[in-house]
Protein backbone atom coordinates (compact mmCIF):
# COMPACT_ATOMS: atom_id res chain seq x y z
CA MET A 1 -4.72 10.91 -33.57
CA LEU A 2 -5.44 9.61 -37.08
CA ASN A 3 -6.22 11.86 -40.03
CA SER A 4 -7.75 9.08 -42.15
CA PRO A 5 -9.81 5.94 -41.42
CA LEU A 6 -8.28 2.57 -40.69
CA SER A 7 -8.11 0.02 -43.47
CA ALA A 8 -10.47 -2.96 -43.30
CA SER A 9 -7.64 -5.31 -42.30
CA SER A 10 -6.47 -2.93 -39.57
CA THR A 11 -9.96 -2.65 -38.07
CA GLU A 12 -10.04 -6.46 -37.85
CA LEU A 13 -6.70 -6.42 -36.03
CA VAL A 14 -7.91 -3.79 -33.57
CA ILE A 15 -11.04 -5.84 -32.82
CA SER A 16 -8.94 -9.00 -32.36
CA VAL A 17 -6.52 -7.24 -30.00
CA LEU A 18 -9.36 -5.78 -27.94
CA SER A 19 -11.13 -9.14 -27.80
CA LEU A 20 -8.02 -10.81 -26.38
CA VAL A 21 -7.68 -8.11 -23.73
CA LEU A 22 -11.34 -7.89 -22.73
CA SER A 23 -12.50 -11.49 -23.16
CA GLN A 24 -9.37 -13.43 -22.23
CA GLY A 25 -7.72 -10.96 -19.84
CA LYS A 26 -4.48 -10.73 -21.83
CA PRO A 27 -2.24 -7.72 -21.12
CA LEU A 28 -2.32 -5.29 -24.01
CA ASP A 29 1.37 -5.63 -24.88
CA ARG A 30 1.05 -9.41 -25.17
CA ALA A 31 -2.07 -9.07 -27.31
CA TYR A 32 -0.09 -6.83 -29.66
CA SER A 33 2.79 -9.28 -29.73
CA GLN A 34 0.50 -12.22 -30.50
CA HIS A 35 -1.18 -10.45 -33.41
CA PHE A 36 1.79 -8.59 -34.88
CA SER A 37 4.27 -11.48 -34.88
CA GLY A 38 4.56 -12.95 -38.35
CA LEU A 39 2.70 -10.08 -40.04
CA GLN A 40 4.53 -7.87 -42.51
CA LEU A 41 2.99 -4.64 -41.29
CA VAL A 42 4.69 -1.38 -42.21
CA PRO A 43 5.62 0.56 -39.05
CA ALA A 44 3.18 3.38 -39.82
CA GLU A 45 0.19 1.03 -40.00
CA GLN A 46 1.22 -0.84 -36.87
CA ALA A 47 1.42 2.53 -35.11
CA ARG A 48 -2.08 3.43 -36.31
CA ILE A 49 -3.46 0.18 -34.92
CA THR A 50 -1.86 0.75 -31.50
CA ILE A 51 -3.09 4.36 -31.43
CA VAL A 52 -6.70 3.26 -31.98
CA ALA A 53 -6.63 0.24 -29.64
CA GLY A 54 -4.94 2.28 -26.91
CA ASP A 55 -7.39 5.17 -27.22
CA ILE A 56 -10.39 2.84 -27.10
CA LEU A 57 -9.09 1.20 -23.92
CA ARG A 58 -8.35 4.54 -22.28
CA ARG A 59 -12.05 5.50 -22.65
CA LEU A 60 -13.63 2.09 -23.12
CA ASN A 61 -16.79 2.74 -21.13
CA LEU A 62 -17.43 5.95 -23.08
CA TYR A 63 -17.09 4.33 -26.50
CA CYS A 64 -19.12 1.31 -25.42
CA TYR A 65 -21.87 3.62 -24.14
CA LEU A 66 -21.91 5.52 -27.43
CA ALA A 67 -22.09 2.28 -29.39
CA ASP A 68 -24.61 0.72 -26.95
CA ILE A 69 -22.56 -2.45 -26.50
CA LYS A 70 -20.83 -4.18 -23.59
CA PRO A 71 -17.05 -4.67 -23.44
CA GLU A 72 -17.42 -8.44 -23.38
CA GLU A 73 -19.31 -8.24 -26.69
CA MET A 74 -16.26 -6.93 -28.55
CA GLU A 75 -15.83 -9.99 -30.74
CA ARG A 76 -19.44 -9.82 -31.97
CA PHE A 77 -20.04 -6.08 -32.08
CA GLY A 78 -16.52 -4.67 -32.44
CA SER A 79 -17.25 -3.31 -35.90
CA LYS A 80 -19.97 -1.08 -34.46
CA LEU A 81 -17.56 0.20 -31.81
CA LEU A 82 -14.95 0.98 -34.48
CA ASN A 83 -17.54 2.89 -36.49
CA VAL A 84 -18.45 4.90 -33.38
CA TRP A 85 -14.78 5.60 -32.68
CA HIS A 86 -14.34 7.00 -36.19
CA LEU A 87 -17.49 9.13 -35.86
CA PHE A 88 -16.31 10.48 -32.49
CA HIS A 89 -13.02 11.62 -34.03
CA GLY A 90 -14.60 13.13 -37.14
CA LEU A 91 -13.27 10.51 -39.56
CA ASP A 92 -14.96 8.76 -42.46
CA LEU A 93 -16.17 5.29 -41.53
CA PRO A 94 -13.76 2.46 -42.39
CA LYS A 95 -14.72 0.20 -45.27
CA MET A 96 -15.40 -3.02 -43.37
CA GLN A 97 -17.11 -5.85 -45.23
CA TYR A 98 -19.58 -6.86 -42.52
CA ALA A 99 -19.76 -3.74 -40.34
CA LEU A 100 -22.74 -3.22 -38.07
CA PRO A 101 -24.42 0.14 -38.75
CA VAL A 102 -24.63 3.02 -36.29
CA ASP A 103 -27.91 4.81 -35.67
CA ARG A 104 -26.71 8.43 -36.07
CA GLU A 105 -29.64 9.88 -34.15
CA ASP A 106 -29.11 7.53 -31.20
CA TYR A 107 -25.36 8.26 -31.31
CA ALA A 108 -25.93 12.02 -31.17
CA SER A 109 -28.30 11.64 -28.23
CA ARG A 110 -25.84 9.47 -26.30
CA LEU A 111 -22.98 11.85 -27.08
CA ALA A 112 -24.90 14.78 -25.59
CA ILE A 113 -25.62 12.80 -22.43
CA ALA A 114 -21.99 11.63 -22.09
CA GLN A 115 -20.65 15.16 -22.39
CA ASN A 116 -22.45 16.00 -19.16
CA GLN A 117 -21.04 13.00 -17.25
CA PRO A 118 -17.37 13.82 -16.50
CA VAL A 119 -16.48 10.40 -15.09
CA LEU A 120 -17.82 8.63 -18.18
CA TRP A 121 -16.26 11.24 -20.49
CA ASP A 122 -12.85 10.61 -18.90
CA GLY A 123 -13.19 6.86 -19.46
CA CYS A 124 -13.06 6.04 -15.76
CA PRO A 125 -14.69 2.95 -14.24
CA GLN A 126 -16.78 3.61 -11.14
CA TRP A 127 -14.52 1.69 -8.74
CA LEU A 128 -11.49 3.70 -9.82
CA ASP A 129 -13.30 7.03 -9.53
CA GLU A 130 -14.40 6.20 -5.98
CA LEU A 131 -10.87 5.12 -5.05
CA GLY A 132 -9.30 8.21 -6.62
CA GLN A 133 -11.67 10.55 -4.82
CA ALA A 134 -11.07 8.83 -1.49
CA GLN A 135 -7.28 9.00 -1.89
CA LEU A 136 -6.71 12.32 -3.67
CA GLY A 137 -9.80 14.41 -2.95
CA ASP A 138 -10.21 17.41 -5.23
CA ASN A 139 -6.91 16.66 -7.00
CA TRP A 140 -8.36 13.46 -8.44
CA VAL A 141 -10.44 15.24 -11.10
CA GLN A 142 -7.39 16.63 -12.90
CA GLU A 143 -5.46 13.39 -12.54
CA ARG A 144 -8.41 11.41 -13.90
CA ALA A 145 -8.54 13.64 -16.98
CA ALA A 146 -4.76 13.41 -17.49
CA LEU A 147 -4.82 9.62 -17.37
CA ASN A 148 -7.16 9.35 -20.36
CA GLN A 149 -4.69 11.16 -22.63
CA ALA A 150 -2.38 9.35 -25.03
CA PRO A 151 1.14 9.03 -23.59
CA LYS A 152 4.02 10.93 -25.12
CA ARG A 153 7.06 9.02 -26.29
CA TYR A 154 10.24 9.55 -24.31
CA LEU A 155 13.75 8.16 -24.66
CA ARG A 156 16.52 7.80 -22.11
CA VAL A 157 19.95 8.46 -23.56
CA ASN A 158 22.44 5.72 -22.69
CA GLU A 159 25.31 7.76 -21.30
CA LEU A 160 27.57 4.71 -21.51
CA LYS A 161 27.46 5.21 -25.28
CA CYS A 162 26.77 8.89 -26.02
CA SER A 163 25.63 12.27 -24.76
CA ARG A 164 22.11 13.61 -25.14
CA GLU A 165 23.32 16.07 -27.78
CA GLN A 166 25.01 13.31 -29.78
CA LEU A 167 21.84 11.22 -29.67
CA VAL A 168 19.71 14.13 -30.91
CA GLU A 169 22.05 14.57 -33.86
CA LYS A 170 22.28 10.86 -34.68
CA LEU A 171 18.51 10.38 -34.52
CA ALA A 172 17.97 13.41 -36.74
CA GLY A 173 20.13 11.66 -39.33
CA GLU A 174 17.67 8.76 -39.12
CA TYR A 175 14.67 11.09 -39.56
CA VAL A 176 13.67 10.93 -35.90
CA LEU A 177 12.93 14.39 -34.49
CA THR A 178 13.46 14.82 -30.74
CA GLN A 179 13.79 17.56 -28.13
CA ALA A 180 15.33 17.70 -24.67
CA VAL A 181 12.98 17.40 -21.68
CA GLU A 182 13.36 20.17 -19.14
CA GLY A 183 14.21 18.93 -15.67
CA VAL A 184 15.19 15.40 -16.77
CA SER A 185 18.80 15.45 -17.93
CA THR A 186 18.72 12.04 -19.64
CA ALA A 187 15.35 12.39 -21.41
CA LEU A 188 14.32 13.21 -24.97
CA GLU A 189 10.75 13.58 -26.21
CA VAL A 190 10.10 12.05 -29.64
CA LEU A 191 8.25 14.52 -31.84
CA SER A 192 8.02 12.50 -35.07
CA ASP A 193 6.06 9.34 -35.88
CA SER A 194 9.05 7.07 -36.26
CA ALA A 195 9.83 3.38 -35.92
CA LEU A 196 12.30 3.80 -33.07
CA PHE A 197 13.30 0.18 -32.67
CA ARG A 198 14.35 -0.10 -36.32
CA THR A 199 16.90 2.69 -36.04
CA GLU A 200 20.62 2.03 -36.01
CA SER A 201 20.79 4.16 -32.86
CA PHE A 202 18.61 1.68 -30.99
CA LYS A 203 20.41 -1.37 -32.36
CA ALA A 204 23.69 0.17 -31.22
CA GLY A 205 22.33 0.66 -27.70
CA TRP A 206 22.32 4.47 -27.70
CA PHE A 207 18.91 4.74 -26.04
CA GLU A 208 16.04 2.98 -24.32
CA GLN A 209 12.39 3.97 -24.55
CA GLN A 210 11.46 5.09 -21.03
CA ASP A 211 9.01 7.61 -19.65
CA ALA A 212 10.62 10.83 -18.42
CA GLY A 213 8.99 10.46 -15.01
CA SER A 214 10.40 6.97 -14.67
CA GLN A 215 13.88 8.35 -15.32
CA LEU A 216 13.60 10.53 -12.22
CA VAL A 217 13.45 7.41 -10.03
CA ALA A 218 16.91 6.08 -10.85
CA ALA A 219 18.26 9.64 -10.88
CA ALA A 220 17.17 10.01 -7.24
CA LEU A 221 19.30 7.00 -6.30
CA ASP A 222 22.42 9.00 -7.24
CA ALA A 223 24.58 5.91 -7.67
CA LYS A 224 28.32 6.63 -8.03
CA PRO A 225 31.09 4.73 -9.85
CA GLY A 226 32.61 2.05 -7.61
CA MET A 227 29.58 1.65 -5.35
CA ARG A 228 27.78 -1.59 -4.57
CA VAL A 229 24.21 -1.06 -5.73
CA ILE A 230 21.19 -3.38 -5.61
CA ASP A 231 18.05 -3.03 -7.72
CA ALA A 232 15.93 -5.52 -5.82
CA CYS A 233 12.75 -5.45 -7.96
CA ALA A 234 14.51 -5.08 -11.29
CA GLY A 235 11.97 -6.60 -13.65
CA ALA A 236 13.19 -6.31 -17.25
CA GLY A 237 15.71 -3.71 -16.15
CA GLY A 238 14.86 -0.26 -17.49
CA LYS A 239 15.95 1.43 -14.26
CA THR A 240 18.84 -1.03 -13.80
CA LEU A 241 20.38 0.10 -17.08
CA HIS A 242 19.94 3.75 -16.07
CA ILE A 243 21.80 3.03 -12.81
CA ALA A 244 24.58 1.26 -14.74
CA ALA A 245 25.08 4.43 -16.79
CA GLN A 246 25.16 6.53 -13.59
CA MET A 247 27.93 4.24 -12.33
CA GLN A 248 29.84 4.59 -15.63
CA GLY A 249 30.06 0.81 -15.70
CA LYS A 250 32.25 0.80 -12.56
CA GLY A 251 31.35 -0.95 -9.32
CA ARG A 252 28.92 -3.77 -8.71
CA LEU A 253 25.28 -3.55 -9.73
CA LEU A 254 23.12 -6.47 -8.64
CA ALA A 255 19.72 -6.79 -10.35
CA MET A 256 17.28 -9.07 -8.54
CA ASP A 257 13.78 -10.31 -9.26
CA VAL A 258 11.46 -13.21 -8.46
CA GLU A 259 10.95 -14.09 -12.15
CA GLN A 260 13.82 -15.51 -14.18
CA TRP A 261 12.43 -14.56 -17.60
CA LYS A 262 12.59 -10.89 -16.66
CA LEU A 263 16.23 -11.23 -15.64
CA ASP A 264 16.97 -13.02 -18.93
CA LYS A 265 15.44 -10.08 -20.78
CA LEU A 266 17.57 -7.72 -18.71
CA LYS A 267 20.74 -9.58 -19.69
CA GLU A 268 19.85 -9.17 -23.36
CA ARG A 269 19.20 -5.44 -22.93
CA GLY A 270 22.36 -5.06 -20.87
CA ARG A 271 24.53 -6.51 -23.64
CA ARG A 272 23.12 -4.04 -26.15
CA ALA A 273 23.65 -1.14 -23.71
CA HIS A 274 27.22 -2.25 -22.79
CA ALA A 275 26.19 -2.33 -19.12
CA HIS A 276 28.92 -4.79 -18.21
CA ASN A 277 28.81 -4.30 -14.44
CA VAL A 278 25.27 -5.73 -14.11
CA GLU A 279 24.93 -9.08 -12.35
CA THR A 280 21.52 -10.80 -12.12
CA ARG A 281 20.24 -12.94 -9.27
CA LEU A 282 16.92 -14.74 -8.87
CA ILE A 283 15.20 -14.27 -5.50
CA VAL A 284 14.26 -17.78 -4.42
CA GLY A 285 13.42 -17.05 -0.79
CA SER A 286 14.36 -15.06 2.30
CA LYS A 287 17.87 -16.57 2.34
CA THR A 288 18.72 -14.69 -0.86
CA ILE A 289 18.06 -11.43 0.99
CA LYS A 290 19.74 -12.47 4.25
CA ARG A 291 23.03 -13.26 2.46
CA LEU A 292 23.21 -9.63 1.35
CA LYS A 293 22.59 -8.06 4.77
CA LEU A 294 24.21 -4.62 5.21
CA SER A 295 25.98 -4.87 1.84
CA ALA A 296 24.52 -2.12 -0.38
CA ASP A 297 25.56 1.52 -0.66
CA ARG A 298 22.39 2.16 -2.65
CA LEU A 299 19.19 0.12 -2.80
CA LEU A 300 16.29 0.61 -5.21
CA LEU A 301 12.93 -0.86 -4.22
CA ASP A 302 10.66 -0.24 -7.20
CA VAL A 303 7.88 -2.29 -5.65
CA PRO A 304 4.87 -4.00 -7.28
CA CYS A 305 1.94 -1.60 -7.18
CA SER A 306 -1.47 -0.80 -8.63
CA GLY A 307 0.10 0.94 -11.63
CA LEU A 308 -2.51 3.68 -11.45
CA GLY A 309 0.07 6.28 -12.43
CA VAL A 310 0.76 4.62 -15.79
CA LEU A 311 -2.80 4.07 -17.02
CA LYS A 312 -2.12 6.21 -20.07
CA ARG A 313 0.43 3.61 -21.14
CA ASN A 314 -1.35 0.52 -19.76
CA PRO A 315 -5.05 1.40 -20.11
CA ASP A 316 -6.18 -2.23 -20.05
CA ALA A 317 -5.36 -2.41 -16.32
CA LYS A 318 -8.37 -0.36 -15.24
CA TRP A 319 -10.74 -2.83 -16.91
CA ARG A 320 -8.96 -5.85 -15.46
CA ASP A 321 -8.20 -4.72 -11.91
CA THR A 322 -10.56 -4.35 -8.95
CA PRO A 323 -10.30 -2.38 -5.68
CA GLU A 324 -9.84 -5.68 -3.81
CA ARG A 325 -6.35 -6.00 -5.31
CA LEU A 326 -5.02 -2.90 -3.54
CA PRO A 327 -4.82 -4.32 0.03
CA VAL A 328 -2.96 -7.37 -1.29
CA LEU A 329 -0.43 -5.15 -3.05
CA MET A 330 -0.01 -2.96 0.01
CA GLU A 331 0.79 -5.98 2.16
CA LEU A 332 3.41 -7.05 -0.37
CA GLN A 333 4.89 -3.54 -0.43
CA GLN A 334 5.18 -3.55 3.37
CA HIS A 335 6.90 -6.93 3.28
CA ILE A 336 9.42 -5.88 0.63
CA LEU A 337 10.26 -2.60 2.38
CA GLN A 338 10.70 -4.29 5.76
CA SER A 339 12.60 -7.34 4.51
CA TYR A 340 14.71 -6.00 1.64
CA SER A 341 15.85 -2.89 3.55
CA ARG A 342 18.11 -5.22 5.55
CA MET A 343 20.48 -5.23 2.56
CA LEU A 344 21.33 -1.52 3.04
CA LYS A 345 24.52 -0.43 4.80
CA VAL A 346 24.57 2.12 7.58
CA GLY A 347 24.90 5.46 5.81
CA GLY A 348 23.46 3.96 2.64
CA ILE A 349 20.39 5.28 0.83
CA LEU A 350 17.40 3.38 -0.44
CA VAL A 351 14.81 4.69 -2.86
CA TYR A 352 11.29 3.36 -2.38
CA ALA A 353 9.33 3.87 -5.61
CA THR A 354 5.99 3.05 -7.19
CA CYS A 355 4.22 3.87 -10.44
CA SER A 356 1.12 4.77 -8.43
CA ILE A 357 -0.37 8.13 -7.43
CA LEU A 358 -2.21 6.78 -4.37
CA PRO A 359 -0.97 7.95 -0.93
CA ASP A 360 -1.77 4.54 0.58
CA GLU A 361 0.91 2.97 -1.64
CA ASN A 362 3.30 5.87 -1.32
CA ARG A 363 3.91 8.23 1.59
CA ASN A 364 1.64 6.26 3.92
CA GLN A 365 3.76 3.15 3.37
CA VAL A 366 6.95 5.11 4.01
CA ASP A 367 5.57 6.65 7.21
CA ALA A 368 4.49 3.23 8.49
CA PHE A 369 7.96 1.79 7.78
CA LEU A 370 9.75 4.68 9.49
CA GLY A 371 7.45 4.40 12.50
CA ALA A 372 8.46 0.77 12.93
CA ASN A 373 12.16 1.28 12.07
CA PRO A 374 13.83 4.20 13.93
CA ASN A 375 17.19 3.15 12.43
CA PHE A 376 16.07 4.78 9.15
CA ARG A 377 15.19 8.38 8.35
CA LEU A 378 13.44 10.08 5.46
CA LEU A 379 15.62 12.42 3.42
CA ASP A 380 12.95 13.61 0.98
CA ASP A 381 10.20 12.36 -1.29
CA GLU A 382 8.47 13.38 -4.51
CA SER A 383 5.14 12.65 -6.19
CA ILE A 384 5.21 12.94 -9.98
CA SER A 385 1.74 13.99 -11.10
CA PRO A 386 0.52 13.11 -14.62
CA ALA A 387 -1.64 16.24 -14.59
CA ALA A 388 1.16 18.59 -13.54
CA SER A 389 4.06 17.04 -15.47
CA GLY A 390 2.57 15.38 -18.55
CA PHE A 391 4.66 12.33 -17.60
CA ASP A 392 3.39 9.08 -16.18
CA GLY A 393 2.68 9.13 -12.44
CA PHE A 394 5.35 7.98 -9.97
CA TYR A 395 6.33 8.31 -6.34
CA LEU A 396 9.81 8.11 -4.86
CA ALA A 397 11.17 8.48 -1.34
CA ARG A 398 14.86 8.62 -0.39
CA ILE A 399 15.52 6.93 2.94
CA GLU A 400 18.86 6.69 4.80
CA ARG A 401 19.90 3.94 7.19
CA ILE A 402 21.34 5.70 10.25
CA ALA A 403 22.01 2.64 12.44
CA GLU A 404 21.94 -1.15 12.37
């Protein structure tokens, strides 16, 4: 967290970012991009802005309660919210020109009340708390608390370019302090406040920024050099590039998605990473899948999901989403698992993965698929708990095709 107040200009940027997210429904990363592009911000100040905006969104209802404002009033009363945020964290108030004052007595009274309301204190909307309790029971309380914490920064070493030890040494020469993550052979935790994407190591393709829990998904695929591998929901390709490194650049790696711009981004990242065995293909309909029937040795289905395991990193989602979205996503997950699994060879292995911690999106989906498809069998599965691991939350299941 900060050890000094934001500057006046930075408070204005935080309010503008939050207004875009809360009033116009923009994803947080795009709000950052819109406001930071063209500005000559030093990396340290940009980091301070993202720290504050992210923390406010992780516990938005708490800060709004303390400031006695509504989220949709951010543009008008954002200065009051920023003053409350500074008070909450024991900082001097920022020197804003037209800041709305905070009634200290009312603030203290509200703070005392909030401390005795765990759901509010954890920054959890009511719909999400009810869903979490229904899905996870007593385990939800610790997961709820974990999801309001700031995410740690993790890197994935690109083993096409270097070893983890070489990356540690090279980053240290660029004043970036890191340490190895136990249990995740490709992961480093960043310990210093550094501008990672301005390092020569990043420009040379030695690493990608990727949560340590996310790295366990591609690791479970266990792709080997010379295999034919399909990443069927590749997106911008973080896991695709990890698989390419597993394959040592040998064999065929097909990255597929329904959105071309994501595949274009993947191509750009692949060039930097020297992942030369990656081929991209747009999914334009069921024929795209049918043409690849029984062709893959390994198949990754990192399906669209609620994203409730990555709320630390994407806190805006819990103020934008509703419980009505979950059944729609579950239907899509069922469709992808049933349809895309046709691309797997007999004896091949698919990994079904989500960035959710809800059983309905995870093991329950796998059990339903296996019940309808006796030609597949479950090898093993794993739930990565934010509370237990400190990582983002993920689920992965390894499934083998045993017959056509």
